[in-house]
C-alpha atoms as a PDB file:
ATOM      1  CA  UNK A   1      23.940  -9.835  20.890  1.00  0.00           C
ATOM      2  CA  UNK A   2      23.473  -6.124  21.632  1.00  0.00           C
ATOM      3  CA  UNK A   3      20.025  -5.898  23.189  1.00  0.00           C
ATOM      4  CA  UNK A   4      19.876  -2.119  22.709  1.00  0.00           C
ATOM      5  CA  UNK A   5      19.569  -2.302  18.943  1.00  0.00           C
ATOM      6  CA  UNK A   6      16.021  -2.409  17.508  1.00  0.00           C
ATOM      7  CA  UNK A   7      14.412  -5.568  16.198  1.00  0.00           C
ATOM      8  CA  UNK A   8      12.587  -5.289  12.872  1.00  0.00           C
ATOM      9  CA  UNK A   9       9.843  -7.744  11.877  1.00  0.00           C
ATOM     10  CA  UNK A  10       9.208  -8.062   8.137  1.00  0.00           C
ATOM     11  CA  UNK A  11       5.887  -9.723   7.257  1.00  0.00           C
ATOM     12  CA  UNK A  12       5.861 -11.174   3.750  1.00  0.00           C
ATOM     13  CA  UNK A  13       2.752 -12.742   2.196  1.00  0.00           C
ATOM     14  CA  UNK A  14       2.890 -14.823  -0.962  1.00  0.00           C
ATOM     15  CA  UNK A  15       0.780 -16.831  -3.381  1.00  0.00           C
ATOM     16  CA  UNK A  16       2.250 -18.591  -6.424  1.00  0.00           C
ATOM     17  CA  UNK A  17       5.307 -16.390  -6.144  1.00  0.00           C
ATOM     18  CA  UNK A  18       7.987 -18.782  -7.361  1.00  0.00           C
ATOM     19  CA  UNK A  19       9.203 -16.365 -10.061  1.00  0.00           C
ATOM     20  CA  UNK A  20       9.974 -13.485  -7.697  1.00  0.00           C
ATOM     21  CA  UNK A  21      10.006 -14.723  -4.111  1.00  0.00           C
ATOM     22  CA  UNK A  22      13.705 -15.634  -3.865  1.00  0.00           C
ATOM     23  CA  UNK A  23      14.846 -12.238  -5.094  1.00  0.00           C
ATOM     24  CA  UNK A  24      12.460 -10.560  -2.675  1.00  0.00           C
ATOM     25  CA  UNK A  25      13.638 -12.623   0.302  1.00  0.00           C
ATOM     26  CA  UNK A  26      17.292 -12.061  -0.484  1.00  0.00           C
ATOM     27  CA  UNK A  27      16.757  -8.313  -0.696  1.00  0.00           C
ATOM     28  CA  UNK A  28      15.211  -8.440   2.793  1.00  0.00           C
ATOM     29  CA  UNK A  29      17.745 -10.760   4.421  1.00  0.00           C
ATOM     30  CA  UNK A  30      20.858  -9.045   3.018  1.00  0.00           C
ATOM     31  CA  UNK A  31      20.241  -5.596   4.456  1.00  0.00           C
ATOM     32  CA  UNK A  32      23.145  -3.324   5.348  1.00  0.00           C
ATOM     33  CA  UNK A  33      23.556  -3.089   9.113  1.00  0.00           C
ATOM     34  CA  UNK A  34      21.721  -6.318   9.888  1.00  0.00           C
ATOM     35  CA  UNK A  35      23.114  -7.803  13.108  1.00  0.00           C
ATOM     36  CA  UNK A  36      25.004  -4.644  14.064  1.00  0.00           C
ATOM     37  CA  UNK A  37      22.531  -1.760  13.734  1.00  0.00           C
ATOM     38  CA  UNK A  38      19.360  -3.856  14.015  1.00  0.00           C
ATOM     39  CA  UNK A  39      18.165  -7.455  14.127  1.00  0.00           C
ATOM     40  CA  UNK A  40      15.719  -8.818  11.599  1.00  0.00           C
ATOM     41  CA  UNK A  41      12.837 -11.278  11.916  1.00  0.00           C
ATOM     42  CA  UNK A  42      11.351 -12.432   8.607  1.00  0.00           C
ATOM     43  CA  UNK A  43       7.847 -13.937   8.807  1.00  0.00           C
ATOM     44  CA  UNK A  44       6.513 -15.476   5.590  1.00  0.00           C
ATOM     45  CA  UNK A  45       2.918 -16.619   5.132  1.00  0.00           C
ATOM     46  CA  UNK A  46       2.039 -18.738   2.098  1.00  0.00           C
ATOM     47  CA  UNK A  47      -1.586 -18.643   0.932  1.00  0.00           C
ATOM     48  CA  UNK A  48      -1.642 -22.278  -0.282  1.00  0.00           C
ATOM     49  CA  UNK A  49       0.459 -21.749  -3.393  1.00  0.00           C
ATOM     50  CA  UNK A  50       0.008 -24.263  -6.192  1.00  0.00           C
ATOM     51  CA  UNK A  51       3.515 -23.835  -7.598  1.00  0.00           C
ATOM     52  CA  UNK A  52       6.932 -24.372  -5.965  1.00  0.00           C
ATOM     53  CA  UNK A  53       6.742 -21.331  -3.699  1.00  0.00           C
ATOM     54  CA  UNK A  54       6.510 -23.261  -0.411  1.00  0.00           C
ATOM     55  CA  UNK A  55       9.469 -25.502  -1.293  1.00  0.00           C
ATOM     56  CA  UNK A  56      11.538 -22.418  -2.088  1.00  0.00           C
ATOM     57  CA  UNK A  57      10.596 -20.802   1.217  1.00  0.00           C
ATOM     58  CA  UNK A  58      11.768 -23.815   3.208  1.00  0.00           C
ATOM     59  CA  UNK A  59      15.360 -23.069   2.187  1.00  0.00           C
ATOM     60  CA  UNK A  60      15.456 -19.757   4.023  1.00  0.00           C
ATOM     61  CA  UNK A  61      15.951 -18.670   7.618  1.00  0.00           C
ATOM     62  CA  UNK A  62      12.489 -17.355   8.341  1.00  0.00           C
ATOM     63  CA  UNK A  63       9.352 -18.043  10.369  1.00  0.00           C
ATOM     64  CA  UNK A  64       7.268 -19.925   7.818  1.00  0.00           C
ATOM     65  CA  UNK A  65       3.484 -20.231   8.070  1.00  0.00           C
ATOM     66  CA  UNK A  66       0.845 -21.527   5.684  1.00  0.00           C
ATOM     67  CA  UNK A  67      -2.865 -20.720   5.595  1.00  0.00           C
ATOM     68  CA  UNK A  68      -5.210 -23.667   6.052  1.00  0.00           C
ATOM     69  CA  UNK A  69      -6.864 -22.818   2.722  1.00  0.00           C
ATOM     70  CA  UNK A  70      -6.454 -20.139   0.098  1.00  0.00           C
ATOM     71  CA  UNK A  71      -7.910 -16.907   1.472  1.00  0.00           C
ATOM     72  CA  UNK A  72      -8.109 -15.044  -1.843  1.00  0.00           C
ATOM     73  CA  UNK A  73      -5.864 -12.185  -0.777  1.00  0.00           C
ATOM     74  CA  UNK A  74      -2.906 -11.160   1.392  1.00  0.00           C
ATOM     75  CA  UNK A  75      -4.774  -9.785   4.411  1.00  0.00           C
ATOM     76  CA  UNK A  76      -5.316 -13.010   6.360  1.00  0.00           C
ATOM     77  CA  UNK A  77      -1.612 -13.773   6.133  1.00  0.00           C
ATOM     78  CA  UNK A  78      -0.680 -10.226   7.105  1.00  0.00           C
ATOM     79  CA  UNK A  79      -2.810 -10.524  10.233  1.00  0.00           C
ATOM     80  CA  UNK A  80      -1.188 -13.838  11.145  1.00  0.00           C
ATOM     81  CA  UNK A  81       2.187 -12.186  10.860  1.00  0.00           C
ATOM     82  CA  UNK A  82       1.188  -9.159  12.900  1.00  0.00           C
ATOM     83  CA  UNK A  83      -0.092 -11.362  15.728  1.00  0.00           C
ATOM     84  CA  UNK A  84       3.192 -13.259  16.167  1.00  0.00           C
ATOM     85  CA  UNK A  85       5.690 -10.546  15.224  1.00  0.00           C
ATOM     86  CA  UNK A  86       8.166  -9.777  17.979  1.00  0.00           C
ATOM     87  CA  UNK A  87       9.817  -6.705  16.507  1.00  0.00           C
ATOM     88  CA  UNK A  88      10.053  -3.224  17.943  1.00  0.00           C
ATOM     89  CA  UNK A  89       9.075  -2.026  14.473  1.00  0.00           C
ATOM     90  CA  UNK A  90       7.192  -3.864  11.751  1.00  0.00           C
ATOM     91  CA  UNK A  91       6.815  -3.677   7.985  1.00  0.00           C
ATOM     92  CA  UNK A  92       4.569  -5.320   5.378  1.00  0.00           C
ATOM     93  CA  UNK A  93       6.040  -6.806   2.188  1.00  0.00           C
ATOM     94  CA  UNK A  94       4.616  -8.076  -1.088  1.00  0.00           C
ATOM     95  CA  UNK A  95       6.135 -11.040  -2.911  1.00  0.00           C
ATOM     96  CA  UNK A  96       7.595  -8.980  -5.748  1.00  0.00           C
ATOM     97  CA  UNK A  97       8.879  -5.964  -3.793  1.00  0.00           C
ATOM     98  CA  UNK A  98      12.649  -5.496  -3.868  1.00  0.00           C
ATOM     99  CA  UNK A  99      14.334  -3.685  -0.980  1.00  0.00           C
ATOM    100  CA  UNK A 100      17.301  -1.393  -1.488  1.00  0.00           C
ATOM    101  CA  UNK A 101      20.267  -2.649   0.554  1.00  0.00           C
ATOM    102  CA  UNK A 102      20.024   0.377   2.861  1.00  0.00           C
ATOM    103  CA  UNK A 103      16.231   0.383   3.281  1.00  0.00           C
ATOM    104  CA  UNK A 104      16.129  -0.313   7.017  1.00  0.00           C
ATOM    105  CA  UNK A 105      19.399   1.443   7.844  1.00  0.00           C
ATOM    106  CA  UNK A 106      18.169   4.641   6.184  1.00  0.00           C
ATOM    107  CA  UNK A 107      15.065   4.639   8.393  1.00  0.00           C
ATOM    108  CA  UNK A 108      16.780   3.871  11.691  1.00  0.00           C
ATOM    109  CA  UNK A 109      17.774   7.488  12.541  1.00  0.00           C
ATOM    110  CA  UNK A 110      14.097   8.492  12.642  1.00  0.00           C
ATOM    111  CA  UNK A 111      12.680   5.714  14.828  1.00  0.00           C
ATOM    112  CA  UNK A 112      12.355   7.886  17.913  1.00  0.00           C
ATOM    113  CA  UNK A 113      10.779  10.818  16.100  1.00  0.00           C
ATOM    114  CA  UNK A 114       7.426   9.303  15.071  1.00  0.00           C
ATOM    115  CA  UNK A 115       5.629   5.928  15.306  1.00  0.00           C
ATOM    116  CA  UNK A 116       5.295   5.619  11.508  1.00  0.00           C
ATOM    117  CA  UNK A 117       8.030   6.070   8.925  1.00  0.00           C
ATOM    118  CA  UNK A 118       7.650   5.810   5.174  1.00  0.00           C
ATOM    119  CA  UNK A 119       9.941   6.288   2.207  1.00  0.00           C
ATOM    120  CA  UNK A 120       9.969   6.957  -1.489  1.00  0.00           C
ATOM    121  CA  UNK A 121      10.150   4.085  -3.949  1.00  0.00           C
ATOM    122  CA  UNK A 122      10.947   3.230  -7.546  1.00  0.00           C
ATOM    123  CA  UNK A 123       8.194   1.901  -9.812  1.00  0.00           C
ATOM    124  CA  UNK A 124       8.841  -0.558 -12.626  1.00  0.00           C
ATOM    125  CA  UNK A 125       5.595  -0.452 -14.597  1.00  0.00           C
ATOM    126  CA  UNK A 126       5.763  -3.421 -16.939  1.00  0.00           C
ATOM    127  CA  UNK A 127       2.152  -2.908 -17.935  1.00  0.00           C
ATOM    128  CA  UNK A 128       2.959   0.443 -19.576  1.00  0.00           C
ATOM    129  CA  UNK A 129       6.708  -0.147 -20.138  1.00  0.00           C
ATOM    130  CA  UNK A 130       7.953   2.719 -17.975  1.00  0.00           C
ATOM    131  CA  UNK A 131       9.942   3.430 -14.804  1.00  0.00           C
ATOM    132  CA  UNK A 132       9.758   6.338 -12.380  1.00  0.00           C
ATOM    133  CA  UNK A 133      10.425   7.383  -8.773  1.00  0.00           C
ATOM    134  CA  UNK A 134       7.810   8.315  -6.201  1.00  0.00           C
ATOM    135  CA  UNK A 135       9.693  10.605  -3.824  1.00  0.00           C
ATOM    136  CA  UNK A 136       8.289  13.664  -2.068  1.00  0.00           C
ATOM    137  CA  UNK A 137       9.726  16.888  -3.526  1.00  0.00           C
ATOM    138  CA  UNK A 138      12.424  18.932  -1.832  1.00  0.00           C
ATOM    139  CA  UNK A 139      16.082  18.568  -0.957  1.00  0.00           C
ATOM    140  CA  UNK A 140      15.615  17.742   2.725  1.00  0.00           C
ATOM    141  CA  UNK A 141      16.477  14.232   3.976  1.00  0.00           C
ATOM    142  CA  UNK A 142      13.060  13.753   5.595  1.00  0.00           C
ATOM    143  CA  UNK A 143       9.629  15.320   6.066  1.00  0.00           C
ATOM    144  CA  UNK A 144       7.772  15.415   9.389  1.00  0.00           C
ATOM    145  CA  UNK A 145       3.984  15.188   9.185  1.00  0.00           C
ATOM    146  CA  UNK A 146       2.127  16.496  12.228  1.00  0.00           C
ATOM    147  CA  UNK A 147      -0.491  14.414  14.014  1.00  0.00           C
ATOM    148  CA  UNK A 148      -3.436  13.563  11.706  1.00  0.00           C
ATOM    149  CA  UNK A 149      -2.001  15.339   8.655  1.00  0.00           C
ATOM    150  CA  UNK A 150      -1.458  12.148   6.688  1.00  0.00           C
ATOM    151  CA  UNK A 151      -4.679  10.621   8.012  1.00  0.00           C
ATOM    152  CA  UNK A 152      -6.736  13.522   6.678  1.00  0.00           C
ATOM    153  CA  UNK A 153      -4.864  13.442   3.383  1.00  0.00           C
ATOM    154  CA  UNK A 154      -5.688   9.748   2.939  1.00  0.00           C
ATOM    155  CA  UNK A 155      -9.264  10.123   4.198  1.00  0.00           C
ATOM    156  CA  UNK A 156      -9.970  12.773   1.563  1.00  0.00           C
ATOM    157  CA  UNK A 157      -8.198  10.735  -1.141  1.00  0.00           C
ATOM    158  CA  UNK A 158      -5.746  13.561  -1.758  1.00  0.00           C
ATOM    159  CA  UNK A 159      -3.101  12.883  -4.400  1.00  0.00           C
ATOM    160  CA  UNK A 160      -0.512  14.894  -2.471  1.00  0.00           C
ATOM    161  CA  UNK A 161       1.168  14.341   0.869  1.00  0.00           C
ATOM    162  CA  UNK A 162       3.067  11.433   2.369  1.00  0.00           C
ATOM    163  CA  UNK A 163       3.802   8.244   0.460  1.00  0.00           C
ATOM    164  CA  UNK A 164       1.756   5.569   2.217  1.00  0.00           C
ATOM    165  CA  UNK A 165       2.007   2.601  -0.111  1.00  0.00           C
ATOM    166  CA  UNK A 166       2.244  -0.463   2.141  1.00  0.00           C
ATOM    167  CA  UNK A 167       5.731  -1.513   1.120  1.00  0.00           C
ATOM    168  CA  UNK A 168       7.153   1.829   2.212  1.00  0.00           C
ATOM    169  CA  UNK A 169       5.928   1.715   5.815  1.00  0.00           C
ATOM    170  CA  UNK A 170       7.775   0.925   9.028  1.00  0.00           C
ATOM    171  CA  UNK A 171       5.615   1.269  12.145  1.00  0.00           C
ATOM    172  CA  UNK A 172       6.001   0.888  15.910  1.00  0.00           C
ATOM    173  CA  UNK A 173       4.863  -2.286  17.685  1.00  0.00           C
ATOM    174  CA  UNK A 174       2.258  -0.258  19.612  1.00  0.00           C
ATOM    175  CA  UNK A 175       0.263  -0.224  16.339  1.00  0.00           C
ATOM    176  CA  UNK A 176       0.518  -3.953  15.567  1.00  0.00           C
ATOM    177  CA  UNK A 177      -2.989  -4.665  16.899  1.00  0.00           C
ATOM    178  CA  UNK A 178      -4.453  -2.708  13.987  1.00  0.00           C
ATOM    179  CA  UNK A 179      -5.444  -5.585  11.713  1.00  0.00           C
ATOM    180  CA  UNK A 180      -6.467  -5.833   8.060  1.00  0.00           C
ATOM    181  CA  UNK A 181     -10.005  -6.636   6.953  1.00  0.00           C
ATOM    182  CA  UNK A 182     -10.525 -10.304   6.079  1.00  0.00           C
ATOM    183  CA  UNK A 183     -14.031 -10.159   4.577  1.00  0.00           C
ATOM    184  CA  UNK A 184     -12.648  -9.447   1.115  1.00  0.00           C
ATOM    185  CA  UNK A 185      -9.058 -10.159   2.156  1.00  0.00           C
ATOM    186  CA  UNK A 186      -7.374  -7.640  -0.121  1.00  0.00           C
ATOM    187  CA  UNK A 187      -8.495  -4.069   0.735  1.00  0.00           C
ATOM    188  CA  UNK A 188      -6.101  -1.911   2.778  1.00  0.00           C
ATOM    189  CA  UNK A 189      -7.614   1.623   2.601  1.00  0.00           C
ATOM    190  CA  UNK A 190      -9.306   1.251   6.007  1.00  0.00           C
ATOM    191  CA  UNK A 191      -6.092  -0.121   7.546  1.00  0.00           C
ATOM    192  CA  UNK A 192      -4.134   2.904   6.380  1.00  0.00           C
ATOM    193  CA  UNK A 193      -6.751   5.193   7.921  1.00  0.00           C
ATOM    194  CA  UNK A 194      -6.698   3.388  11.256  1.00  0.00           C
ATOM    195  CA  UNK A 195      -2.890   3.255  11.286  1.00  0.00           C
ATOM    196  CA  UNK A 196      -2.421   6.999  10.737  1.00  0.00           C
ATOM    197  CA  UNK A 197      -5.413   8.252  12.747  1.00  0.00           C
ATOM    198  CA  UNK A 198      -4.154  10.756  15.342  1.00  0.00           C
ATOM    199  CA  UNK A 199      -0.513   9.799  14.662  1.00  0.00           C
ATOM    200  CA  UNK A 200       2.448  11.835  13.506  1.00  0.00           C
ATOM    201  CA  UNK A 201       4.735  10.352  10.869  1.00  0.00           C
ATOM    202  CA  UNK A 202       7.927  10.827   8.894  1.00  0.00           C
ATOM    203  CA  UNK A 203       8.832  10.266   5.282  1.00  0.00           C
ATOM    204  CA  UNK A 204      12.443   9.561   4.320  1.00  0.00           C
ATOM    205  CA  UNK A 205      12.912  11.424   1.030  1.00  0.00           C
ATOM    206  CA  UNK A 206      14.736   8.622  -0.710  1.00  0.00           C
ATOM    207  CA  UNK A 207      13.780   5.679  -2.900  1.00  0.00           C
ATOM    208  CA  UNK A 208      14.258   2.635  -0.663  1.00  0.00           C
ATOM    209  CA  UNK A 209      12.523  -0.174  -2.522  1.00  0.00           C
ATOM    210  CA  UNK A 210      11.283  -1.207  -5.939  1.00  0.00           C
ATOM    211  CA  UNK A 211       7.596  -1.773  -6.584  1.00  0.00           C
ATOM    212  CA  UNK A 212       6.859  -3.861  -9.682  1.00  0.00           C
ATOM    213  CA  UNK A 213       3.538  -3.338 -11.467  1.00  0.00           C
ATOM    214  CA  UNK A 214       2.516  -6.194 -13.750  1.00  0.00           C
ATOM    215  CA  UNK A 215      -0.432  -6.784 -16.079  1.00  0.00           C
ATOM    216  CA  UNK A 216      -1.914  -8.913 -13.282  1.00  0.00           C
ATOM    217  CA  UNK A 217      -1.958  -5.887 -10.946  1.00  0.00           C
ATOM    218  CA  UNK A 218      -5.240  -5.519  -9.054  1.00  0.00           C
ATOM    219  CA  UNK A 219      -5.851  -1.862  -9.969  1.00  0.00           C
ATOM    220  CA  UNK A 220      -7.904  -2.729 -13.077  1.00  0.00           C
ATOM    221  CA  UNK A 221      -9.425  -5.965 -11.786  1.00  0.00           C
ATOM    222  CA  UNK A 222     -13.212  -5.552 -11.812  1.00  0.00           C
ATOM    223  CA  UNK A 223     -13.841  -7.685  -8.723  1.00  0.00           C
ATOM    224  CA  UNK A 224     -11.186  -5.828  -6.743  1.00  0.00           C
ATOM    225  CA  UNK A 225     -12.524  -2.449  -7.844  1.00  0.00           C
ATOM    226  CA  UNK A 226     -16.026  -3.335  -6.619  1.00  0.00           C
ATOM    227  CA  UNK A 227     -14.745  -4.553  -3.286  1.00  0.00           C
ATOM    228  CA  UNK A 228     -12.455  -1.555  -2.821  1.00  0.00           C
ATOM    229  CA  UNK A 229     -15.287   0.861  -3.663  1.00  0.00           C
ATOM    230  CA  UNK A 230     -17.851  -0.561  -1.246  1.00  0.00           C
ATOM    231  CA  UNK A 231     -15.400  -1.210   1.582  1.00  0.00           C
ATOM    232  CA  UNK A 232     -13.972   2.311   1.251  1.00  0.00           C
ATOM    233  CA  UNK A 233     -17.467   3.766   1.632  1.00  0.00           C
ATOM    234  CA  UNK A 234     -17.972   1.603   4.715  1.00  0.00           C
ATOM    235  CA  UNK A 235     -14.607   2.650   6.165  1.00  0.00           C
ATOM    236  CA  UNK A 236     -15.203   6.391   5.963  1.00  0.00           C
ATOM    237  CA  UNK A 237     -18.466   6.034   7.920  1.00  0.00           C
ATOM    238  CA  UNK A 238     -16.401   5.514  11.077  1.00  0.00           C
ATOM    239  CA  UNK A 239     -15.131   9.112  10.779  1.00  0.00           C
ATOM    240  CA  UNK A 240     -18.300  10.942   9.659  1.00  0.00           C
ATOM    241  CA  UNK A 241     -19.159  12.425  13.077  1.00  0.00           C
ATOM    242  CA  UNK A 242     -15.630  13.627  13.870  1.00  0.00           C
ATOM    243  CA  UNK A 243     -14.672  14.776  10.357  1.00  0.00           C
ATOM    244  CA  UNK A 244     -17.946  15.553   8.518  1.00  0.00           C
ATOM    245  CA  UNK A 245     -16.493  17.812   5.810  1.00  0.00           C
ATOM    246  CA  UNK A 246     -13.573  15.528   5.035  1.00  0.00           C
ATOM    247  CA  UNK A 247     -15.847  12.477   4.958  1.00  0.00           C
ATOM    248  CA  UNK A 248     -18.189  14.149   2.464  1.00  0.00           C
ATOM    249  CA  UNK A 249     -15.220  14.981   0.235  1.00  0.00           C
ATOM    250  CA  UNK A 250     -14.019  11.383   0.564  1.00  0.00           C
ATOM    251  CA  UNK A 251     -17.457  10.129  -0.523  1.00  0.00           C
ATOM    252  CA  UNK A 252     -17.326  12.282  -3.653  1.00  0.00           C
ATOM    253  CA  UNK A 253     -13.757  11.315  -4.544  1.00  0.00           C
ATOM    254  CA  UNK A 254     -14.428   7.604  -4.052  1.00  0.00           C
ATOM    255  CA  UNK A 255     -17.285   7.957  -6.528  1.00  0.00           C
ATOM    256  CA  UNK A 256     -15.030   9.916  -8.862  1.00  0.00           C
ATOM    257  CA  UNK A 257     -12.475   7.109  -8.845  1.00  0.00           C
ATOM    258  CA  UNK A 258     -15.224   4.605  -9.596  1.00  0.00           C
ATOM    259  CA  UNK A 259     -16.437   6.786 -12.447  1.00  0.00           C
ATOM    260  CA  UNK A 260     -12.982   7.084 -14.031  1.00  0.00           C
ATOM    261  CA  UNK A 261     -12.547   3.328 -13.838  1.00  0.00           C
ATOM    262  CA  UNK A 262     -15.732   2.772 -15.851  1.00  0.00           C
ATOM    263  CA  UNK A 263     -14.734   5.598 -18.211  1.00  0.00           C
ATOM    264  CA  UNK A 264     -11.438   3.835 -18.905  1.00  0.00           C
ATOM    265  CA  UNK A 265     -13.274   0.545 -19.419  1.00  0.00           C
ATOM    266  CA  UNK A 266     -15.625   2.148 -21.946  1.00  0.00           C
ATOM    267  CA  UNK A 267     -18.747   1.671 -19.804  1.00  0.00           C
ATOM    268  CA  UNK A 268     -19.953   5.225 -20.185  1.00  0.00           C
ATOM    269  CA  UNK A 269     -23.465   4.879 -18.747  1.00  0.00           C
ATOM    270  CA  UNK A 270     -22.001   3.562 -15.491  1.00  0.00           C
ATOM    271  CA  UNK A 271     -19.269   6.209 -15.605  1.00  0.00           C
ATOM    272  CA  UNK A 272     -21.848   9.008 -15.787  1.00  0.00           C
ATOM    273  CA  UNK A 273     -23.822   7.501 -12.888  1.00  0.00           C
ATOM    274  CA  UNK A 274     -20.791   7.834 -10.615  1.00  0.00           C
ATOM    275  CA  UNK A 275     -19.553  11.161 -12.046  1.00  0.00           C
ATOM    276  CA  UNK A 276     -22.868  12.768 -11.049  1.00  0.00           C
ATOM    277  CA  UNK A 277     -22.171  11.689  -7.451  1.00  0.00           C
ATOM    278  CA  UNK A 278     -18.531  12.799  -7.447  1.00  0.00           C
ATOM    279  CA  UNK A 279     -16.693  16.059  -6.782  1.00  0.00           C
ATOM    280  CA  UNK A 280     -18.201  18.666  -9.117  1.00  0.00           C
ATOM    281  CA  UNK A 281     -15.629  20.667 -11.103  1.00  0.00           C
ATOM    282  CA  UNK A 282     -14.636  21.449 -14.689  1.00  0.00           C
ATOM    283  CA  UNK A 283     -12.778  18.169 -15.099  1.00  0.00           C
ATOM    284  CA  UNK A 284     -15.834  16.180 -14.035  1.00  0.00           C
ATOM    285  CA  UNK A 285     -17.985  18.126 -16.491  1.00  0.00           C
ATOM    286  CA  UNK A 286     -15.536  17.427 -19.324  1.00  0.00           C
ATOM    287  CA  UNK A 287     -15.520  13.728 -18.470  1.00  0.00           C
ATOM    288  CA  UNK A 288     -19.313  13.658 -18.636  1.00  0.00           C
ATOM    289  CA  UNK A 289     -19.399  15.518 -21.982  1.00  0.00           C
ATOM    290  CA  UNK A 290     -16.727  13.328 -23.574  1.00  0.00           C
ATOM    291  CA  UNK A 291     -18.443  10.189 -22.302  1.00  0.00           C
ATOM    292  CA  UNK A 292     -20.929  10.811 -25.138  1.00  0.00           C
ATOM    293  CA  UNK A 293     -18.273  11.602 -27.767  1.00  0.00           C
ATOM    294  CA  UNK A 294     -14.497  11.962 -27.679  1.00  0.00           C
ATOM    295  CA  UNK A 295     -13.604   9.560 -24.876  1.00  0.00           C
ATOM    296  CA  UNK A 296     -11.204   7.568 -27.081  1.00  0.00           C
ATOM    297  CA  UNK A 297      -9.145  10.722 -27.652  1.00  0.00           C
ATOM    298  CA  UNK A 298      -9.132  11.506 -23.922  1.00  0.00           C
ATOM    299  CA  UNK A 299      -7.986   7.979 -23.006  1.00  0.00           C
ATOM    300  CA  UNK A 300      -5.232   8.110 -25.620  1.00  0.00           C
ATOM    301  CA  UNK A 301      -3.707  11.413 -24.520  1.00  0.00           C
ATOM    302  CA  UNK A 302      -4.511  11.753 -20.797  1.00  0.00           C
ATOM    303  CA  UNK A 303      -3.948   9.703 -17.652  1.00  0.00           C
ATOM    304  CA  UNK A 304      -7.498   8.796 -16.618  1.00  0.00           C
ATOM    305  CA  UNK A 305      -7.129   6.250 -13.829  1.00  0.00           C
ATOM    306  CA  UNK A 306      -4.573   4.611 -11.544  1.00  0.00           C
END
């Protein structure tokens, strides 16, 4: 074996994933360049599945772990994987993500340029029966983001900038001690902030995996939305002294997201409560006005949330 080639650790968490897990694993294990351009370590953590997921996993060449009891989210398993991963670079996978055959090989040329590399991806939105690509604009093969640029973009909840969805990331082993929260077990906003804080990064301007959005997606789950809201507010407190202006903007935008969620759900009194604490602009004013009359028309013709 050529010891000079990088080792990649892929950390895959699953719960009741029997319908998708085999396709996901095969897309990871059958990567172009595996064994010649890089070696691959697949670590799979099952969160006490009640279906045939664990039996399926036992057929594959992977490091297989199982939580002692269901943790209610992927974060405990992700942390287990991070702690034992032996790769030079690591990535986080969901049970229904599908890797392009050249996902890792397309990122290899940039490993020495920054500690974090991301990529574009293709979305199959089964909830709304649509498909689209999320790739940063431009004709260049990659974008270099200077130190803290992506961190500040994520802190302020900007809709522009680098793609940082978990499945797109490949990061250096020096960052593996940055762990996910386990109190709620499913929030990753604070992890993204800590990962990118004071780091430079690169985005490969190419769709390198498929993200599938189902009706069961967490984005409109009320319990998840509450946990994400309160934990996001807690997370930004760590940066208030160093980045006071950006933290204030983050506070307002987190409230704006909460408001739009309630607006979409038809809970207009709650929506107005959070809109009044959000970023004040014409769009916010129009949301407040239409929360009294006209919100059905807005929800039908405009993208409100997500």
